[in-house]
N, C-alpha and C. Protein backbone atom coordinates (compact mmCIF):
# COMPACT_ATOMS: atom_id res chain seq x y z
N MET A 1 13.37 -7.64 -11.81
CA MET A 1 13.29 -6.96 -10.51
C MET A 1 12.21 -7.65 -9.68
N THR A 2 12.52 -7.93 -8.44
CA THR A 2 11.54 -8.57 -7.57
C THR A 2 10.43 -7.58 -7.21
N PHE A 3 9.29 -8.11 -6.80
CA PHE A 3 8.17 -7.26 -6.42
C PHE A 3 8.55 -6.32 -5.29
N ASN A 4 9.23 -6.85 -4.27
CA ASN A 4 9.58 -6.03 -3.11
C ASN A 4 10.46 -4.85 -3.51
N LYS A 5 11.43 -5.09 -4.38
CA LYS A 5 12.29 -4.01 -4.85
C LYS A 5 11.48 -3.03 -5.70
N TRP A 6 10.59 -3.56 -6.52
CA TRP A 6 9.76 -2.72 -7.37
C TRP A 6 8.89 -1.78 -6.54
N ILE A 7 8.22 -2.30 -5.52
CA ILE A 7 7.33 -1.45 -4.72
C ILE A 7 8.14 -0.43 -3.91
N ASP A 8 9.30 -0.83 -3.42
CA ASP A 8 10.16 0.13 -2.71
C ASP A 8 10.60 1.26 -3.65
N THR A 9 10.92 0.91 -4.89
CA THR A 9 11.33 1.92 -5.88
C THR A 9 10.17 2.86 -6.19
N LEU A 10 8.98 2.30 -6.37
CA LEU A 10 7.79 3.12 -6.65
C LEU A 10 7.55 4.11 -5.52
N ILE A 11 7.58 3.64 -4.29
CA ILE A 11 7.34 4.50 -3.13
C ILE A 11 8.41 5.60 -3.06
N SER A 12 9.65 5.23 -3.31
CA SER A 12 10.74 6.22 -3.29
C SER A 12 10.56 7.25 -4.39
N GLU A 13 10.25 6.81 -5.61
CA GLU A 13 10.09 7.74 -6.73
C GLU A 13 8.91 8.69 -6.52
N LYS A 14 7.90 8.25 -5.80
CA LYS A 14 6.73 9.08 -5.53
C LYS A 14 6.91 9.93 -4.27
N ASN A 15 8.08 9.82 -3.64
CA ASN A 15 8.37 10.56 -2.42
C ASN A 15 7.31 10.35 -1.33
N VAL A 16 6.90 9.11 -1.18
CA VAL A 16 5.91 8.76 -0.17
C VAL A 16 6.64 8.29 1.08
N SER A 17 6.30 8.88 2.21
CA SER A 17 6.91 8.48 3.47
C SER A 17 6.17 7.27 4.04
N THR A 18 6.92 6.20 4.27
CA THR A 18 6.31 5.01 4.86
C THR A 18 6.05 5.18 6.36
N GLU A 19 6.53 6.29 6.91
CA GLU A 19 6.30 6.57 8.32
C GLU A 19 5.00 7.33 8.56
N GLN A 20 4.34 7.76 7.49
CA GLN A 20 3.08 8.47 7.69
C GLN A 20 2.04 7.53 8.27
N THR A 21 1.19 8.06 9.11
CA THR A 21 0.17 7.28 9.79
C THR A 21 -1.13 7.35 9.02
N LEU A 22 -1.69 6.18 8.75
CA LEU A 22 -2.98 6.09 8.08
C LEU A 22 -4.07 5.94 9.14
N GLU A 23 -5.15 6.65 8.96
CA GLU A 23 -6.30 6.58 9.86
C GLU A 23 -7.39 5.79 9.15
N ILE A 24 -7.69 4.61 9.68
CA ILE A 24 -8.59 3.67 9.02
C ILE A 24 -9.73 3.31 9.97
N GLU A 25 -10.93 3.31 9.44
CA GLU A 25 -12.10 2.90 10.23
C GLU A 25 -12.19 1.38 10.20
N GLY A 26 -12.15 0.77 11.39
CA GLY A 26 -12.28 -0.67 11.51
C GLY A 26 -13.54 -1.02 12.29
N THR A 27 -13.77 -2.29 12.51
CA THR A 27 -14.96 -2.72 13.25
C THR A 27 -14.93 -2.27 14.71
N SER A 28 -13.73 -2.07 15.24
CA SER A 28 -13.60 -1.64 16.63
C SER A 28 -13.48 -0.13 16.77
N GLY A 29 -13.54 0.58 15.65
CA GLY A 29 -13.38 2.03 15.67
C GLY A 29 -12.22 2.44 14.78
N ILE A 30 -11.67 3.60 15.05
CA ILE A 30 -10.58 4.13 14.23
C ILE A 30 -9.27 3.44 14.59
N ASN A 31 -8.56 3.02 13.57
CA ASN A 31 -7.24 2.39 13.72
C ASN A 31 -6.19 3.33 13.13
N PHE A 32 -5.05 3.39 13.78
CA PHE A 32 -3.93 4.18 13.28
C PHE A 32 -2.79 3.22 13.00
N MET A 33 -2.27 3.26 11.77
CA MET A 33 -1.16 2.37 11.44
C MET A 33 -0.22 3.09 10.48
N PRO A 34 1.07 2.84 10.63
CA PRO A 34 2.01 3.44 9.69
C PRO A 34 1.88 2.77 8.33
N LEU A 35 2.14 3.53 7.29
CA LEU A 35 2.09 2.98 5.94
C LEU A 35 3.05 1.80 5.82
N SER A 36 4.15 1.83 6.54
CA SER A 36 5.13 0.73 6.48
C SER A 36 4.49 -0.60 6.85
N MET A 37 3.51 -0.60 7.73
CA MET A 37 2.82 -1.82 8.13
C MET A 37 2.02 -2.39 6.95
N VAL A 38 1.39 -1.52 6.21
CA VAL A 38 0.62 -1.94 5.03
C VAL A 38 1.57 -2.49 3.97
N ILE A 39 2.69 -1.80 3.75
CA ILE A 39 3.68 -2.25 2.77
C ILE A 39 4.23 -3.61 3.15
N ASP A 40 4.52 -3.82 4.43
CA ASP A 40 5.02 -5.13 4.89
C ASP A 40 3.99 -6.23 4.63
N ALA A 41 2.73 -5.93 4.87
CA ALA A 41 1.67 -6.92 4.62
C ALA A 41 1.59 -7.25 3.13
N ILE A 42 1.73 -6.24 2.30
CA ILE A 42 1.70 -6.45 0.84
C ILE A 42 2.88 -7.32 0.42
N LYS A 43 4.05 -7.04 0.96
CA LYS A 43 5.25 -7.81 0.61
C LYS A 43 5.15 -9.27 1.04
N ASN A 44 4.32 -9.54 2.06
CA ASN A 44 4.20 -10.89 2.59
C ASN A 44 2.98 -11.65 2.07
N THR A 45 2.28 -11.09 1.10
CA THR A 45 1.12 -11.77 0.55
C THR A 45 1.56 -12.72 -0.56
N CYS A 46 0.62 -13.47 -1.11
CA CYS A 46 0.94 -14.45 -2.15
C CYS A 46 1.26 -13.76 -3.49
N ALA A 47 1.87 -14.50 -4.37
CA ALA A 47 2.29 -13.97 -5.67
C ALA A 47 1.10 -13.47 -6.49
N GLU A 48 -0.02 -14.15 -6.42
CA GLU A 48 -1.21 -13.75 -7.18
C GLU A 48 -1.70 -12.37 -6.73
N GLU A 49 -1.78 -12.16 -5.42
CA GLU A 49 -2.22 -10.86 -4.91
C GLU A 49 -1.20 -9.77 -5.22
N LYS A 50 0.09 -10.10 -5.14
CA LYS A 50 1.12 -9.13 -5.50
C LYS A 50 0.94 -8.68 -6.95
N ALA A 51 0.65 -9.61 -7.84
CA ALA A 51 0.46 -9.27 -9.25
C ALA A 51 -0.74 -8.35 -9.43
N GLN A 52 -1.82 -8.62 -8.70
CA GLN A 52 -3.01 -7.78 -8.79
C GLN A 52 -2.73 -6.39 -8.23
N ILE A 53 -2.04 -6.32 -7.12
CA ILE A 53 -1.69 -5.03 -6.50
C ILE A 53 -0.78 -4.24 -7.44
N LYS A 54 0.19 -4.91 -8.02
CA LYS A 54 1.11 -4.23 -8.94
C LYS A 54 0.34 -3.68 -10.14
N ALA A 55 -0.58 -4.45 -10.69
CA ALA A 55 -1.36 -4.00 -11.85
C ALA A 55 -2.14 -2.74 -11.53
N VAL A 56 -2.74 -2.70 -10.35
CA VAL A 56 -3.51 -1.51 -9.95
C VAL A 56 -2.58 -0.32 -9.73
N LEU A 57 -1.46 -0.54 -9.05
CA LEU A 57 -0.53 0.56 -8.80
C LEU A 57 0.05 1.12 -10.11
N VAL A 58 0.31 0.26 -11.08
CA VAL A 58 0.81 0.73 -12.37
C VAL A 58 -0.23 1.62 -13.05
N LYS A 59 -1.51 1.21 -12.98
CA LYS A 59 -2.58 2.02 -13.57
C LYS A 59 -2.70 3.37 -12.86
N ILE A 60 -2.63 3.34 -11.55
CA ILE A 60 -2.72 4.59 -10.77
C ILE A 60 -1.55 5.49 -11.11
N ASP A 61 -0.36 4.92 -11.16
CA ASP A 61 0.84 5.70 -11.47
C ASP A 61 0.76 6.28 -12.88
N PHE A 62 0.31 5.49 -13.84
CA PHE A 62 0.20 5.95 -15.22
C PHE A 62 -0.76 7.14 -15.33
N ALA A 63 -1.81 7.13 -14.50
CA ALA A 63 -2.80 8.22 -14.51
C ALA A 63 -2.41 9.36 -13.57
N ASN A 64 -1.19 9.30 -13.02
CA ASN A 64 -0.73 10.30 -12.05
C ASN A 64 -1.65 10.40 -10.84
N GLY A 65 -2.20 9.27 -10.44
CA GLY A 65 -3.08 9.23 -9.27
C GLY A 65 -2.30 9.14 -7.98
N ASP A 66 -3.03 9.09 -6.89
CA ASP A 66 -2.46 9.05 -5.54
C ASP A 66 -2.37 7.60 -5.08
N ILE A 67 -1.15 7.05 -5.05
CA ILE A 67 -0.99 5.65 -4.64
C ILE A 67 -1.31 5.45 -3.17
N VAL A 68 -1.17 6.50 -2.37
CA VAL A 68 -1.47 6.38 -0.93
C VAL A 68 -2.96 6.09 -0.73
N HIS A 69 -3.79 6.65 -1.59
CA HIS A 69 -5.23 6.38 -1.50
C HIS A 69 -5.49 4.88 -1.65
N PHE A 70 -4.80 4.24 -2.58
CA PHE A 70 -4.95 2.79 -2.76
C PHE A 70 -4.42 2.03 -1.55
N PHE A 71 -3.30 2.48 -0.99
CA PHE A 71 -2.77 1.83 0.21
C PHE A 71 -3.77 1.94 1.37
N LYS A 72 -4.46 3.07 1.47
CA LYS A 72 -5.49 3.22 2.51
C LYS A 72 -6.61 2.22 2.29
N HIS A 73 -6.97 2.02 1.03
CA HIS A 73 -8.01 1.04 0.70
C HIS A 73 -7.57 -0.36 1.16
N LEU A 74 -6.32 -0.71 0.87
CA LEU A 74 -5.81 -2.01 1.30
C LEU A 74 -5.70 -2.11 2.83
N ALA A 75 -5.40 -1.01 3.46
CA ALA A 75 -5.27 -1.01 4.93
C ALA A 75 -6.59 -1.35 5.61
N CYS A 76 -7.69 -1.06 4.96
CA CYS A 76 -8.99 -1.41 5.52
C CYS A 76 -9.13 -2.90 5.77
N ARG A 77 -8.42 -3.69 5.00
CA ARG A 77 -8.44 -5.15 5.18
C ARG A 77 -7.65 -5.57 6.42
N LEU A 78 -6.73 -4.70 6.86
CA LEU A 78 -5.92 -5.00 8.05
C LEU A 78 -6.57 -4.48 9.34
N ALA A 79 -7.46 -3.50 9.19
CA ALA A 79 -8.06 -2.86 10.37
C ALA A 79 -9.00 -3.83 11.08
N ILE A 80 -8.99 -3.72 12.41
CA ILE A 80 -9.90 -4.55 13.21
C ILE A 80 -10.92 -3.71 13.91
C-alpha cells in the first residue's frame, strides 16, 4: 500500500474530517488552515520524512492517541 493510500485510510478509520480548520500560531500571528492542507504537504514530502511521519502516527494510533494533535504539530512548520 502506498503512503498516500495508507494515510487516507488512517484518517478515514479515525473519522477525522480533513475539512476541519486548524488554528496555528505563526511568526505573523494566528494562521487558520484546513487539515487537508497539512495532509497534502505530508503527501508531497520526501520518502524519508514520510517514513518518519508514518512511524509516529503508528505509535500514536497504537496508544489510542489523538492523531490530529500530531497534525497540528506538523502544521506549525507550515505557518508563517
